[in-house]
């Protein structure tokens, strides 16, 4: 059986409306969409969505990376999509490799300690927050600011970005970015293309859709994102 997982954005959870919408959409596609069935080789799939404290990178990233290491399809939103973009897993991955990030005994270097690449896991990134160090502070709610260690998070996020350089060129095409034309928070499509874009003709691994930031909360926007993603998977 194949596995699909959802990684929520800031303030979300594994039991929130976005996770429920994604589960519902995937269930529908498994019954009706040939491209989706082909993506899973005709096998059935299970769905899961964890809850992560995204303002604590030293906890969130190892958990997300470990969950992704077991998945065949990953759908991630916003800040959760940033962590997903940084994941470099292999079969020997252990969350213990990341325990000392951002102020631990060995410093932030251990945060990017895994150099293997995810198995051929497809990763769909919905409006990924690719510059959290420049954007997150400005969109926090008052209660979130109380739990936000700015210096620690910024150090960890910058260190995590080093993983982008370690991603083998042949793995870039496994990531697909979806960006909204009316995103009210931020838009990092050029940065996505610069770091993850593919050079194959007619196989651009990002797309702009009509909508706002929280794609997974809108059934219409989520459908557009998934359809674009499946067209890309079929073509490549």
Protein backbone atom coordinates (compact mmCIF):
# COMPACT_ATOMS: atom_id res chain seq x y z
CA UNK A 1 0.00 0.00 0.00
CA UNK A 2 1.24 3.47 -0.87
CA UNK A 3 1.25 6.40 1.56
CA UNK A 4 0.19 10.02 1.12
CA UNK A 5 0.77 12.62 3.82
CA UNK A 6 -0.21 16.25 4.38
CA UNK A 7 1.98 18.80 6.15
CA UNK A 8 0.05 21.81 7.43
CA UNK A 9 1.06 25.44 7.49
CA UNK A 10 1.59 27.82 10.39
CA UNK A 11 -1.22 27.55 12.93
CA UNK A 12 -2.64 24.44 11.28
CA UNK A 13 -2.89 20.87 12.47
CA UNK A 14 -3.24 17.35 11.22
CA UNK A 15 -6.93 17.41 12.07
CA UNK A 16 -7.75 20.83 10.58
CA UNK A 17 -9.95 21.72 7.64
CA UNK A 18 -7.03 21.79 5.18
CA UNK A 19 -5.96 18.25 6.06
CA UNK A 20 -9.56 17.07 5.76
CA UNK A 21 -9.93 18.74 2.37
CA UNK A 22 -6.74 17.12 1.09
CA UNK A 23 -7.84 13.69 2.28
CA UNK A 24 -11.24 14.13 0.64
CA UNK A 25 -9.71 15.32 -2.63
CA UNK A 26 -7.24 12.43 -2.79
CA UNK A 27 -9.98 9.91 -2.05
CA UNK A 28 -12.03 11.30 -4.91
CA UNK A 29 -9.07 11.24 -7.29
CA UNK A 30 -8.29 7.63 -6.40
CA UNK A 31 -11.73 6.68 -7.72
CA UNK A 32 -11.92 8.83 -10.83
CA UNK A 33 -8.53 10.07 -12.04
CA UNK A 34 -6.38 7.82 -14.19
CA UNK A 35 -3.25 9.95 -13.75
CA UNK A 36 -3.59 9.71 -9.97
CA UNK A 37 -4.01 5.94 -10.15
CA UNK A 38 -0.92 5.70 -12.33
CA UNK A 39 1.01 7.78 -9.81
CA UNK A 40 0.44 5.03 -7.27
CA UNK A 41 0.88 2.20 -9.72
CA UNK A 42 -2.74 1.21 -9.28
CA UNK A 43 -2.21 0.44 -5.60
CA UNK A 44 -4.43 1.60 -2.77
CA UNK A 45 -3.07 4.36 -0.56
CA UNK A 46 -3.32 5.39 3.06
CA UNK A 47 -3.47 9.01 4.19
CA UNK A 48 -2.08 10.65 7.28
CA UNK A 49 -1.50 14.16 8.57
CA UNK A 50 0.60 14.94 11.60
CA UNK A 51 0.65 18.04 13.77
CA UNK A 52 3.93 19.93 14.05
CA UNK A 53 5.10 22.94 16.03
CA UNK A 54 6.45 24.86 13.06
CA UNK A 55 7.91 27.62 15.24
CA UNK A 56 10.24 25.06 16.82
CA UNK A 57 12.36 23.92 13.86
CA UNK A 58 14.53 21.66 16.01
CA UNK A 59 11.42 19.59 16.72
CA UNK A 60 9.36 20.08 13.59
CA UNK A 61 11.94 19.37 10.92
CA UNK A 62 13.09 15.93 12.15
CA UNK A 63 9.47 14.87 12.55
CA UNK A 64 8.52 16.10 9.08
CA UNK A 65 11.57 14.58 7.45
CA UNK A 66 10.93 11.21 9.12
CA UNK A 67 7.28 11.26 8.02
CA UNK A 68 8.27 12.17 4.48
CA UNK A 69 10.79 9.36 4.41
CA UNK A 70 7.91 6.88 4.68
CA UNK A 71 5.65 8.59 2.14
CA UNK A 72 5.13 8.17 -1.60
CA UNK A 73 3.25 11.47 -1.97
CA UNK A 74 3.67 14.60 0.14
CA UNK A 75 1.38 17.63 -0.01
CA UNK A 76 2.58 20.56 2.08
CA UNK A 77 1.38 24.11 2.67
CA UNK A 78 3.16 27.41 3.33
CA UNK A 79 5.65 27.14 6.22
CA UNK A 80 5.13 23.38 6.27
CA UNK A 81 6.04 23.41 2.58
CA UNK A 82 9.30 25.17 3.44
CA UNK A 83 10.28 22.29 5.71
CA UNK A 84 9.21 19.80 3.04
CA UNK A 85 11.36 21.60 0.47
CA UNK A 86 14.39 21.10 2.73
CA UNK A 87 13.90 17.40 3.42
CA UNK A 88 16.76 15.16 2.36
CA UNK A 89 15.98 11.71 3.66
CA UNK A 90 17.33 8.24 3.18
CA UNK A 91 16.44 4.85 4.60
CA UNK A 92 18.95 5.25 7.40
CA UNK A 93 17.56 8.58 8.57
CA UNK A 94 17.14 9.07 12.27
CA UNK A 95 15.58 12.11 13.89
CA UNK A 96 18.40 12.05 16.40
CA UNK A 97 20.62 13.54 13.71
CA UNK A 98 18.82 16.85 14.09
CA UNK A 99 18.38 17.06 17.84
CA UNK A 100 21.21 19.53 18.41
CA UNK A 101 20.05 22.17 15.94
CA UNK A 102 19.87 25.82 16.83
CA UNK A 103 21.64 26.08 20.11
CA UNK A 104 22.41 22.42 20.80
CA UNK A 105 25.80 21.08 21.70
CA UNK A 106 27.04 20.75 18.14
CA UNK A 107 25.38 23.83 16.70
CA UNK A 108 23.16 24.16 13.68
CA UNK A 109 25.42 22.15 11.42
CA UNK A 110 23.73 18.89 12.44
CA UNK A 111 20.45 20.24 11.12
CA UNK A 112 21.49 19.57 7.56
CA UNK A 113 23.33 16.38 8.43
CA UNK A 114 21.50 13.98 6.13
CA UNK A 115 22.81 14.03 2.60
CA UNK A 116 20.82 11.24 1.02
CA UNK A 117 17.79 12.04 -1.15
CA UNK A 118 14.21 11.06 -0.64
CA UNK A 119 13.13 7.94 -2.47
CA UNK A 120 11.13 8.88 -5.53
CA UNK A 121 8.60 10.69 -3.40
CA UNK A 122 6.48 13.24 -5.21
CA UNK A 123 6.28 16.50 -3.26
CA UNK A 124 3.54 19.03 -3.96
CA UNK A 125 4.32 22.41 -2.39
CA UNK A 126 1.39 24.81 -2.00
CA UNK A 127 2.52 28.44 -1.76
CA UNK A 128 5.75 27.44 -0.01
CA UNK A 129 7.15 30.03 2.37
CA UNK A 130 10.69 29.89 1.03
CA UNK A 131 11.93 32.91 3.02
CA UNK A 132 10.48 32.32 6.50
CA UNK A 133 13.25 34.41 8.06
CA UNK A 134 11.88 37.46 6.21
CA UNK A 135 8.14 36.83 6.39
CA UNK A 136 6.98 34.81 9.40
CA UNK A 137 7.51 37.48 12.05
CA UNK A 138 5.17 39.83 10.17
CA UNK A 139 2.23 37.42 10.03
CA UNK A 140 2.24 35.95 13.53
CA UNK A 141 -0.78 36.30 15.77
CA UNK A 142 -0.14 37.79 19.23
CA UNK A 143 -0.34 34.38 20.91
CA UNK A 144 2.16 32.97 18.40
CA UNK A 145 4.63 35.77 19.02
CA UNK A 146 4.88 34.65 22.65
CA UNK A 147 6.21 31.29 21.44
CA UNK A 148 8.51 32.67 18.75
CA UNK A 149 12.25 32.63 19.36
CA UNK A 150 13.23 34.80 16.40
CA UNK A 151 17.00 34.37 16.61
CA UNK A 152 16.81 30.61 17.03
CA UNK A 153 14.29 30.15 14.21
CA UNK A 154 16.15 32.40 11.78
CA UNK A 155 19.39 30.53 12.39
CA UNK A 156 17.71 27.17 11.91
CA UNK A 157 15.81 28.19 8.76
CA UNK A 158 18.94 29.59 7.12
CA UNK A 159 20.81 26.41 7.94
CA UNK A 160 18.02 24.29 6.50
CA UNK A 161 18.27 26.14 3.21
CA UNK A 162 21.73 24.65 2.77
CA UNK A 163 19.93 21.39 2.00
CA UNK A 164 18.64 22.91 -1.24
CA UNK A 165 22.20 22.85 -2.58
CA UNK A 166 22.51 19.15 -1.73
CA UNK A 167 19.46 18.11 -3.73
CA UNK A 168 20.63 16.12 -6.79
CA UNK A 169 19.53 17.66 -10.08
CA UNK A 170 17.62 14.51 -11.00
CA UNK A 171 15.49 14.88 -7.86
CA UNK A 172 14.37 18.45 -8.54
CA UNK A 173 11.59 17.31 -10.82
CA UNK A 174 9.99 15.38 -7.96
CA UNK A 175 9.07 18.72 -6.39
CA UNK A 176 6.19 20.71 -7.86
CA UNK A 177 5.34 24.22 -6.69
CA UNK A 178 1.90 25.80 -6.90
CA UNK A 179 1.58 29.56 -6.43
CA UNK A 180 -1.53 31.73 -6.22
CA UNK A 181 -1.94 34.89 -8.28
CA UNK A 182 -3.63 36.71 -5.38
CA UNK A 183 -1.52 35.45 -2.50
CA UNK A 184 -2.01 38.05 0.21
CA UNK A 185 1.05 36.99 2.24
CA UNK A 186 3.98 36.31 -0.10
CA UNK A 187 4.99 34.66 -3.35
CA UNK A 188 8.28 32.94 -4.00
CA UNK A 189 7.88 31.37 -7.42
CA UNK A 190 11.10 32.93 -8.84
CA UNK A 191 13.02 31.59 -5.83
CA UNK A 192 11.45 28.16 -6.32
CA UNK A 193 12.44 28.13 -9.99
CA UNK A 194 15.98 29.22 -9.16
CA UNK A 195 16.48 26.41 -6.64
CA UNK A 196 14.21 23.60 -7.82
CA UNK A 197 13.28 24.40 -11.42
CA UNK A 198 13.84 21.78 -14.08
CA UNK A 199 15.49 22.40 -17.42
CA UNK A 200 13.50 19.84 -19.39
CA UNK A 201 11.46 21.48 -22.18
CA UNK A 202 7.69 21.69 -21.62
CA UNK A 203 8.08 20.20 -18.15
CA UNK A 204 8.15 23.23 -15.88
CA UNK A 205 7.66 22.03 -12.32
CA UNK A 206 5.72 25.03 -11.05
CA UNK A 207 2.48 26.74 -11.93
CA UNK A 208 0.46 29.83 -11.06
CA UNK A 209 -3.22 29.28 -10.28
CA UNK A 210 -6.09 31.63 -9.55
CA UNK A 211 -6.59 32.03 -5.84
CA UNK A 212 -5.33 33.21 -2.47
CA UNK A 213 -2.75 31.92 -0.01
CA UNK A 214 -4.49 29.04 1.73
CA UNK A 215 -4.98 26.73 -1.25
CA UNK A 216 -5.90 23.65 0.80
CA UNK A 217 -8.77 25.46 2.52
CA UNK A 218 -10.53 26.01 -0.81
CA UNK A 219 -11.84 22.94 -2.63
CA UNK A 220 -11.71 24.82 -5.94
CA UNK A 221 -8.13 26.01 -5.51
CA UNK A 222 -7.00 22.62 -4.21
CA UNK A 223 -8.58 20.95 -7.23
CA UNK A 224 -6.72 23.33 -9.57
CA UNK A 225 -3.44 22.62 -7.78
CA UNK A 226 -3.88 18.85 -7.87
CA UNK A 227 -4.93 18.83 -11.51
CA UNK A 228 -1.87 20.88 -12.52
CA UNK A 229 0.34 18.58 -10.47
CA UNK A 230 -1.12 15.44 -12.05
CA UNK A 231 -0.75 16.85 -15.56
CA UNK A 232 2.91 17.48 -14.79
CA UNK A 233 3.37 13.97 -13.37
CA UNK A 234 1.73 12.47 -16.47
CA UNK A 235 3.85 14.51 -18.89
CA UNK A 236 7.16 13.77 -17.20
